[in-house]
Amino acid sequence: MNKDIINTVILGASFLLLFGLAEFLYHKLKVKAELTRKIVHFGTGMLTLLFPVMLDNQWLVLLLCGSFALILLYSLKFNQLKSINAIDRKSHGSILFPLAVYCCYLVYNYYNIKTGQRIEAYIYFYLPVLTLAICDPVAALFGKQFPYGKFKTGNDIKTLSGSGAFFITSIALTILVFLCFGKYNDEIPKLILISAVIAFCSSTVEAISGSGTDNLTIPATVLATLILLL
């Protein structure tokens, strides 16, 4: 059997296990949906990091992302997967996440083919996905613990403290990703400046995006900034 197909099955099963774990935590251990949702948010982000490594076929990536988008749409329509959907606000985030991942993969694949520099092309996938998987939950958790400077975005309540946590985490993450993939290793001032610009743009977009749309706007902003600056 084709290696990509085997890896697609492995990844698909891993996502289903993650959803199953979240459902177990919610229904059996009575963990709140806000926490199980963040576990799924982080876990799916980590699993999608395997896409460029395990899959070379964009159509199989589309199959995975499309399948889970349909599952999530079904769960919303028929009130299933409460570990993800049982929150007290309207959110489109779970539906938009697979779309964001697929778009990031397309951009990575384009630069990989265009430049032949696979390692450097990884930045276009890993940085947007990691920013969403790490910085967004950090902002939410920090904002809840230290709710300073509250403001409303759509139906969501955001905080300046959460936005600040997002900004700082994003700078550190961007520097780390660039260094890992050999970008600007010998140009530290440029590295810091570009990281600060990416962090500022993405944290601003996170602050003004409501109803879960930041699952699309954050990676889209990181991608757009990368394309403009690199």
C-alpha atoms as a PDB file:
ATOM      1  CA  MET A   1       0.000   0.000   0.000  1.00  0.00           C
ATOM      2  CA  ASN A   2       1.198   3.530  -0.783  1.00  0.00           C
ATOM      3  CA  LYS A   3       3.069   5.102   2.143  1.00  0.00           C
ATOM      4  CA  ASP A   4       1.002   8.287   1.955  1.00  0.00           C
ATOM      5  CA  ILE A   5      -2.233   6.306   2.225  1.00  0.00           C
ATOM      6  CA  ILE A   6      -0.960   4.383   5.251  1.00  0.00           C
ATOM      7  CA  ASN A   7       0.100   7.644   6.904  1.00  0.00           C
ATOM      8  CA  THR A   8      -3.286   9.181   6.116  1.00  0.00           C
ATOM      9  CA  VAL A   9      -5.001   6.295   7.908  1.00  0.00           C
ATOM     10  CA  ILE A  10      -2.643   6.667  10.900  1.00  0.00           C
ATOM     11  CA  LEU A  11      -3.265  10.410  11.124  1.00  0.00           C
ATOM     12  CA  GLY A  12      -7.022  10.000  10.727  1.00  0.00           C
ATOM     13  CA  ALA A  13      -7.111   7.413  13.515  1.00  0.00           C
ATOM     14  CA  SER A  14      -5.022   9.704  15.732  1.00  0.00           C
ATOM     15  CA  PHE A  15      -7.488  12.564  15.298  1.00  0.00           C
ATOM     16  CA  LEU A  16     -10.391  10.252  16.134  1.00  0.00           C
ATOM     17  CA  LEU A  17      -8.581   9.052  19.268  1.00  0.00           C
ATOM     18  CA  LEU A  18      -8.039  12.666  20.321  1.00  0.00           C
ATOM     19  CA  PHE A  19     -11.748  13.426  19.884  1.00  0.00           C
ATOM     20  CA  GLY A  20     -12.560  10.242  21.816  1.00  0.00           C
ATOM     21  CA  LEU A  21     -10.269  11.285  24.669  1.00  0.00           C
ATOM     22  CA  ALA A  22     -11.944  14.697  24.847  1.00  0.00           C
ATOM     23  CA  GLU A  23     -15.390  13.071  24.928  1.00  0.00           C
ATOM     24  CA  PHE A  24     -14.253  10.720  27.718  1.00  0.00           C
ATOM     25  CA  LEU A  25     -12.894  13.636  29.760  1.00  0.00           C
ATOM     26  CA  TYR A  26     -16.090  15.637  29.252  1.00  0.00           C
ATOM     27  CA  HIS A  27     -18.704  12.931  29.812  1.00  0.00           C
ATOM     28  CA  LYS A  28     -16.994  10.603  32.297  1.00  0.00           C
ATOM     29  CA  LEU A  29     -14.626  12.842  34.250  1.00  0.00           C
ATOM     30  CA  LYS A  30     -16.839  15.955  33.969  1.00  0.00           C
ATOM     31  CA  VAL A  31     -14.038  18.170  32.662  1.00  0.00           C
ATOM     32  CA  LYS A  32     -15.452  21.485  31.472  1.00  0.00           C
ATOM     33  CA  ALA A  33     -15.950  21.941  27.732  1.00  0.00           C
ATOM     34  CA  GLU A  34     -13.766  25.050  27.691  1.00  0.00           C
ATOM     35  CA  LEU A  35     -10.817  22.920  28.822  1.00  0.00           C
ATOM     36  CA  THR A  36     -11.540  19.858  26.648  1.00  0.00           C
ATOM     37  CA  ARG A  37     -11.954  22.195  23.677  1.00  0.00           C
ATOM     38  CA  LYS A  38      -8.498  23.658  24.339  1.00  0.00           C
ATOM     39  CA  ILE A  39      -7.042  20.137  24.669  1.00  0.00           C
ATOM     40  CA  VAL A  40      -8.460  19.284  21.240  1.00  0.00           C
ATOM     41  CA  HIS A  41      -7.293  22.647  19.885  1.00  0.00           C
ATOM     42  CA  PHE A  42      -3.727  22.005  21.052  1.00  0.00           C
ATOM     43  CA  GLY A  43      -3.741  18.300  20.163  1.00  0.00           C
ATOM     44  CA  THR A  44      -5.004  18.801  16.616  1.00  0.00           C
ATOM     45  CA  GLY A  45      -2.420  21.534  16.164  1.00  0.00           C
ATOM     46  CA  MET A  46       0.336  19.146  17.205  1.00  0.00           C
ATOM     47  CA  LEU A  47      -0.952  16.324  14.987  1.00  0.00           C
ATOM     48  CA  THR A  48      -1.152  18.572  11.947  1.00  0.00           C
ATOM     49  CA  LEU A  49       2.560  19.308  12.373  1.00  0.00           C
ATOM     50  CA  LEU A  50       3.093  15.813  10.984  1.00  0.00           C
ATOM     51  CA  PHE A  51       1.406  16.628   7.659  1.00  0.00           C
ATOM     52  CA  PRO A  52       4.506  17.937   5.801  1.00  0.00           C
ATOM     53  CA  VAL A  53       6.607  15.089   7.185  1.00  0.00           C
ATOM     54  CA  MET A  54       4.192  12.215   6.574  1.00  0.00           C
ATOM     55  CA  LEU A  55       2.245  13.374   3.513  1.00  0.00           C
ATOM     56  CA  ASP A  56       3.515  14.474   0.108  1.00  0.00           C
ATOM     57  CA  ASN A  57       0.102  14.464  -1.561  1.00  0.00           C
ATOM     58  CA  GLN A  58      -2.015  17.612  -1.115  1.00  0.00           C
ATOM     59  CA  TRP A  59      -5.167  15.682  -2.066  1.00  0.00           C
ATOM     60  CA  LEU A  60      -4.752  13.381   0.912  1.00  0.00           C
ATOM     61  CA  VAL A  61      -4.307  16.434   3.128  1.00  0.00           C
ATOM     62  CA  LEU A  62      -7.529  17.800   1.627  1.00  0.00           C
ATOM     63  CA  LEU A  63      -9.219  14.454   2.312  1.00  0.00           C
ATOM     64  CA  LEU A  64      -8.219  14.578   5.980  1.00  0.00           C
ATOM     65  CA  CYS A  65      -9.125  18.231   6.464  1.00  0.00           C
ATOM     66  CA  GLY A  66     -12.378  17.907   4.507  1.00  0.00           C
ATOM     67  CA  SER A  67     -13.432  14.768   6.378  1.00  0.00           C
ATOM     68  CA  PHE A  68     -12.961  16.368   9.766  1.00  0.00           C
ATOM     69  CA  ALA A  69     -14.687  19.554   8.663  1.00  0.00           C
ATOM     70  CA  LEU A  70     -17.708  17.431   7.701  1.00  0.00           C
ATOM     71  CA  ILE A  71     -17.573  15.560  11.025  1.00  0.00           C
ATOM     72  CA  LEU A  72     -17.502  18.848  12.908  1.00  0.00           C
ATOM     73  CA  LEU A  73     -20.357  20.274  10.825  1.00  0.00           C
ATOM     74  CA  TYR A  74     -22.392  17.140  11.552  1.00  0.00           C
ATOM     75  CA  SER A  75     -21.631  17.401  15.262  1.00  0.00           C
ATOM     76  CA  LEU A  76     -22.828  21.003  15.340  1.00  0.00           C
ATOM     77  CA  LYS A  77     -26.025  20.252  13.447  1.00  0.00           C
ATOM     78  CA  PHE A  78     -26.961  17.238  15.577  1.00  0.00           C
ATOM     79  CA  ASN A  79     -25.501  18.443  18.896  1.00  0.00           C
ATOM     80  CA  GLN A  80     -22.715  15.869  19.093  1.00  0.00           C
ATOM     81  CA  LEU A  81     -19.061  16.138  20.281  1.00  0.00           C
ATOM     82  CA  LYS A  82     -20.072  18.216  23.280  1.00  0.00           C
ATOM     83  CA  SER A  83     -16.473  18.259  24.499  1.00  0.00           C
ATOM     84  CA  ILE A  84     -15.865  20.678  21.620  1.00  0.00           C
ATOM     85  CA  ASN A  85     -19.249  22.289  21.034  1.00  0.00           C
ATOM     86  CA  ALA A  86     -20.796  22.691  24.514  1.00  0.00           C
ATOM     87  CA  ILE A  87     -19.594  26.247  25.085  1.00  0.00           C
ATOM     88  CA  ASP A  88     -21.683  29.256  26.074  1.00  0.00           C
ATOM     89  CA  ARG A  89     -20.851  31.339  22.995  1.00  0.00           C
ATOM     90  CA  LYS A  90     -21.248  31.086  19.259  1.00  0.00           C
ATOM     91  CA  SER A  91     -18.055  29.875  17.578  1.00  0.00           C
ATOM     92  CA  HIS A  92     -17.079  28.793  14.076  1.00  0.00           C
ATOM     93  CA  GLY A  93     -13.526  27.952  15.128  1.00  0.00           C
ATOM     94  CA  SER A  94     -13.723  24.165  14.912  1.00  0.00           C
ATOM     95  CA  ILE A  95     -14.993  24.377  11.310  1.00  0.00           C
ATOM     96  CA  LEU A  96     -12.435  26.963  10.208  1.00  0.00           C
ATOM     97  CA  PHE A  97      -9.425  25.120  11.644  1.00  0.00           C
ATOM     98  CA  PRO A  98      -9.279  22.355   8.946  1.00  0.00           C
ATOM     99  CA  LEU A  99      -9.542  25.039   6.254  1.00  0.00           C
ATOM    100  CA  ALA A 100      -6.662  26.977   7.793  1.00  0.00           C
ATOM    101  CA  VAL A 101      -4.493  23.861   7.988  1.00  0.00           C
ATOM    102  CA  TYR A 102      -5.126  22.960   4.351  1.00  0.00           C
ATOM    103  CA  CYS A 103      -4.311  26.500   3.188  1.00  0.00           C
ATOM    104  CA  CYS A 104      -1.055  26.432   5.167  1.00  0.00           C
ATOM    105  CA  TYR A 105      -0.153  23.102   3.573  1.00  0.00           C
ATOM    106  CA  LEU A 106      -0.828  24.490   0.079  1.00  0.00           C
ATOM    107  CA  VAL A 107       1.485  27.454   0.694  1.00  0.00           C
ATOM    108  CA  TYR A 108       4.190  25.190   2.143  1.00  0.00           C
ATOM    109  CA  ASN A 109       3.856  22.835  -0.843  1.00  0.00           C
ATOM    110  CA  TYR A 110       4.085  25.748  -3.284  1.00  0.00           C
ATOM    111  CA  TYR A 111       7.329  27.078  -1.774  1.00  0.00           C
ATOM    112  CA  ASN A 112       8.756  23.572  -1.454  1.00  0.00           C
ATOM    113  CA  ILE A 113       8.228  22.942  -5.184  1.00  0.00           C
ATOM    114  CA  LYS A 114       9.235  26.465  -6.230  1.00  0.00           C
ATOM    115  CA  THR A 115      12.469  26.732  -4.268  1.00  0.00           C
ATOM    116  CA  GLY A 116      13.416  23.097  -3.722  1.00  0.00           C
ATOM    117  CA  GLN A 117      14.314  24.132  -0.152  1.00  0.00           C
ATOM    118  CA  ARG A 118      12.068  21.822   1.831  1.00  0.00           C
ATOM    119  CA  ILE A 119      13.497  22.761   5.232  1.00  0.00           C
ATOM    120  CA  GLU A 120      12.993  26.485   4.720  1.00  0.00           C
ATOM    121  CA  ALA A 121       9.538  25.893   3.206  1.00  0.00           C
ATOM    122  CA  TYR A 122       8.507  24.223   6.480  1.00  0.00           C
ATOM    123  CA  ILE A 123       8.330  27.713   8.027  1.00  0.00           C
ATOM    124  CA  TYR A 124       5.246  28.519   5.940  1.00  0.00           C
ATOM    125  CA  PHE A 125       3.406  25.603   7.518  1.00  0.00           C
ATOM    126  CA  TYR A 126       4.813  25.278  11.003  1.00  0.00           C
ATOM    127  CA  LEU A 127       4.791  28.915  12.108  1.00  0.00           C
ATOM    128  CA  PRO A 128       1.110  29.639  11.297  1.00  0.00           C
ATOM    129  CA  VAL A 129      -0.076  26.329  12.791  1.00  0.00           C
ATOM    130  CA  LEU A 130       2.085  26.641  15.919  1.00  0.00           C
ATOM    131  CA  THR A 131       1.022  30.256  16.432  1.00  0.00           C
ATOM    132  CA  LEU A 132      -2.594  29.127  16.421  1.00  0.00           C
ATOM    133  CA  ALA A 133      -1.977  25.994  18.512  1.00  0.00           C
ATOM    134  CA  ILE A 134       0.181  27.659  21.170  1.00  0.00           C
ATOM    135  CA  CYS A 135      -0.229  31.440  21.247  1.00  0.00           C
ATOM    136  CA  ASP A 136      -4.019  31.489  21.016  1.00  0.00           C
ATOM    137  CA  PRO A 137      -4.593  29.148  24.030  1.00  0.00           C
ATOM    138  CA  VAL A 138      -1.909  30.998  26.010  1.00  0.00           C
ATOM    139  CA  ALA A 139      -3.753  34.270  25.364  1.00  0.00           C
ATOM    140  CA  ALA A 140      -7.075  32.753  26.444  1.00  0.00           C
ATOM    141  CA  LEU A 141      -5.687  31.156  29.619  1.00  0.00           C
ATOM    142  CA  PHE A 142      -3.653  34.214  30.620  1.00  0.00           C
ATOM    143  CA  GLY A 143      -6.618  36.483  29.942  1.00  0.00           C
ATOM    144  CA  LYS A 144      -8.816  34.389  32.246  1.00  0.00           C
ATOM    145  CA  GLN A 145      -6.248  34.318  35.034  1.00  0.00           C
ATOM    146  CA  PHE A 146      -5.363  38.015  34.747  1.00  0.00           C
ATOM    147  CA  PRO A 147      -8.399  39.700  33.140  1.00  0.00           C
ATOM    148  CA  TYR A 148      -6.998  43.213  32.749  1.00  0.00           C
ATOM    149  CA  GLY A 149      -8.201  45.611  30.077  1.00  0.00           C
ATOM    150  CA  LYS A 150     -11.385  43.817  29.017  1.00  0.00           C
ATOM    151  CA  PHE A 151     -12.976  44.703  25.689  1.00  0.00           C
ATOM    152  CA  LYS A 152     -15.644  43.124  23.524  1.00  0.00           C
ATOM    153  CA  THR A 153     -15.083  41.698  20.059  1.00  0.00           C
ATOM    154  CA  GLY A 154     -18.346  40.508  18.558  1.00  0.00           C
ATOM    155  CA  ASN A 155     -19.768  38.079  21.123  1.00  0.00           C
ATOM    156  CA  ASP A 156     -16.378  37.468  22.745  1.00  0.00           C
ATOM    157  CA  ILE A 157     -14.711  39.188  25.671  1.00  0.00           C
ATOM    158  CA  LYS A 158     -10.983  39.766  25.094  1.00  0.00           C
ATOM    159  CA  THR A 159      -8.349  41.284  27.382  1.00  0.00           C
ATOM    160  CA  LEU A 160      -5.271  43.416  26.864  1.00  0.00           C
ATOM    161  CA  SER A 161      -3.400  41.037  29.162  1.00  0.00           C
ATOM    162  CA  GLY A 162      -4.322  38.117  26.905  1.00  0.00           C
ATOM    163  CA  SER A 163      -3.244  40.032  23.814  1.00  0.00           C
ATOM    164  CA  GLY A 164       0.047  40.885  25.506  1.00  0.00           C
ATOM    165  CA  ALA A 165       0.629  37.220  26.355  1.00  0.00           C
ATOM    166  CA  PHE A 166      -0.104  36.312  22.730  1.00  0.00           C
ATOM    167  CA  PHE A 167       2.386  38.945  21.498  1.00  0.00           C
ATOM    168  CA  ILE A 168       5.224  37.829  23.775  1.00  0.00           C
ATOM    169  CA  THR A 169       4.629  34.121  23.106  1.00  0.00           C
ATOM    170  CA  SER A 170       4.478  34.773  19.365  1.00  0.00           C
ATOM    171  CA  ILE A 171       7.837  36.591  19.349  1.00  0.00           C
ATOM    172  CA  ALA A 172       9.520  33.741  21.230  1.00  0.00           C
ATOM    173  CA  LEU A 173       7.879  31.106  19.021  1.00  0.00           C
ATOM    174  CA  THR A 174       8.781  32.867  15.766  1.00  0.00           C
ATOM    175  CA  ILE A 175      12.418  33.255  16.788  1.00  0.00           C
ATOM    176  CA  LEU A 176      12.558  29.581  17.768  1.00  0.00           C
ATOM    177  CA  VAL A 177      10.977  28.381  14.505  1.00  0.00           C
ATOM    178  CA  PHE A 178      13.281  30.550  12.387  1.00  0.00           C
ATOM    179  CA  LEU A 179      16.363  29.332  14.253  1.00  0.00           C
ATOM    180  CA  CYS A 180      15.266  25.683  13.981  1.00  0.00           C
ATOM    181  CA  PHE A 181      14.986  25.965  10.205  1.00  0.00           C
ATOM    182  CA  GLY A 182      18.145  28.013   9.699  1.00  0.00           C
ATOM    183  CA  LYS A 183      16.521  31.347   8.869  1.00  0.00           C
ATOM    184  CA  TYR A 184      18.410  34.511   9.897  1.00  0.00           C
ATOM    185  CA  ASN A 185      20.716  32.592  12.250  1.00  0.00           C
ATOM    186  CA  ASP A 186      23.475  35.118  11.512  1.00  0.00           C
ATOM    187  CA  GLU A 187      21.192  38.172  11.373  1.00  0.00           C
ATOM    188  CA  ILE A 188      19.839  38.419  14.907  1.00  0.00           C
ATOM    189  CA  PRO A 189      18.596  42.064  14.731  1.00  0.00           C
ATOM    190  CA  LYS A 190      16.658  41.255  11.539  1.00  0.00           C
ATOM    191  CA  LEU A 191      15.337  38.069  13.136  1.00  0.00           C
ATOM    192  CA  ILE A 192      14.031  39.966  16.168  1.00  0.00           C
ATOM    193  CA  LEU A 193      12.491  42.725  14.039  1.00  0.00           C
ATOM    194  CA  ILE A 194      10.640  40.320  11.726  1.00  0.00           C
ATOM    195  CA  SER A 195       9.478  38.262  14.710  1.00  0.00           C
ATOM    196  CA  ALA A 196       8.118  41.402  16.380  1.00  0.00           C
ATOM    197  CA  VAL A 197       6.245  42.410  13.207  1.00  0.00           C
ATOM    198  CA  ILE A 198       4.692  38.943  12.856  1.00  0.00           C
ATOM    199  CA  ALA A 199       3.770  38.927  16.567  1.00  0.00           C
ATOM    200  CA  PHE A 200       2.225  42.403  16.380  1.00  0.00           C
ATOM    201  CA  CYS A 201       0.141  41.616  13.289  1.00  0.00           C
ATOM    202  CA  SER A 202      -1.090  38.239  14.541  1.00  0.00           C
ATOM    203  CA  SER A 203      -1.868  39.442  18.085  1.00  0.00           C
ATOM    204  CA  THR A 204      -3.798  42.423  16.688  1.00  0.00           C
ATOM    205  CA  VAL A 205      -5.837  40.167  14.417  1.00  0.00           C
ATOM    206  CA  GLU A 206      -6.505  37.776  17.319  1.00  0.00           C
ATOM    207  CA  ALA A 207      -7.793  40.671  19.398  1.00  0.00           C
ATOM    208  CA  ILE A 208     -10.310  41.821  16.783  1.00  0.00           C
ATOM    209  CA  SER A 209     -11.463  38.369  15.583  1.00  0.00           C
ATOM    210  CA  GLY A 210     -14.584  37.027  17.261  1.00  0.00           C
ATOM    211  CA  SER A 211     -16.743  33.891  17.181  1.00  0.00           C
ATOM    212  CA  GLY A 212     -13.800  31.588  16.545  1.00  0.00           C
ATOM    213  CA  THR A 213     -12.799  33.285  13.283  1.00  0.00           C
ATOM    214  CA  ASP A 214      -9.287  33.675  14.691  1.00  0.00           C
ATOM    215  CA  ASN A 215      -8.756  29.999  13.800  1.00  0.00           C
ATOM    216  CA  LEU A 216      -8.570  31.252  10.222  1.00  0.00           C
ATOM    217  CA  THR A 217      -7.446  34.865  10.590  1.00  0.00           C
ATOM    218  CA  ILE A 218      -4.401  34.105  12.779  1.00  0.00           C
ATOM    219  CA  PRO A 219      -2.704  31.600  10.422  1.00  0.00           C
ATOM    220  CA  ALA A 220      -3.762  33.703   7.403  1.00  0.00           C
ATOM    221  CA  THR A 221      -2.105  36.776   8.936  1.00  0.00           C
ATOM    222  CA  VAL A 222       1.076  34.890   9.811  1.00  0.00           C
ATOM    223  CA  LEU A 223       1.215  33.471   6.276  1.00  0.00           C
ATOM    224  CA  ALA A 224       0.613  36.870   4.650  1.00  0.00           C
ATOM    225  CA  THR A 225       3.303  38.495   6.813  1.00  0.00           C
ATOM    226  CA  LEU A 226       5.779  35.724   6.005  1.00  0.00           C
ATOM    227  CA  ILE A 227       5.109  36.062   2.283  1.00  0.00           C
ATOM    228  CA  LEU A 228       5.601  39.838   2.445  1.00  0.00           C
ATOM    229  CA  LEU A 229       8.717  39.815   4.627  1.00  0.00           C
ATOM    230  CA  LEU A 230      10.735  36.748   3.578  1.00  0.00           C
END
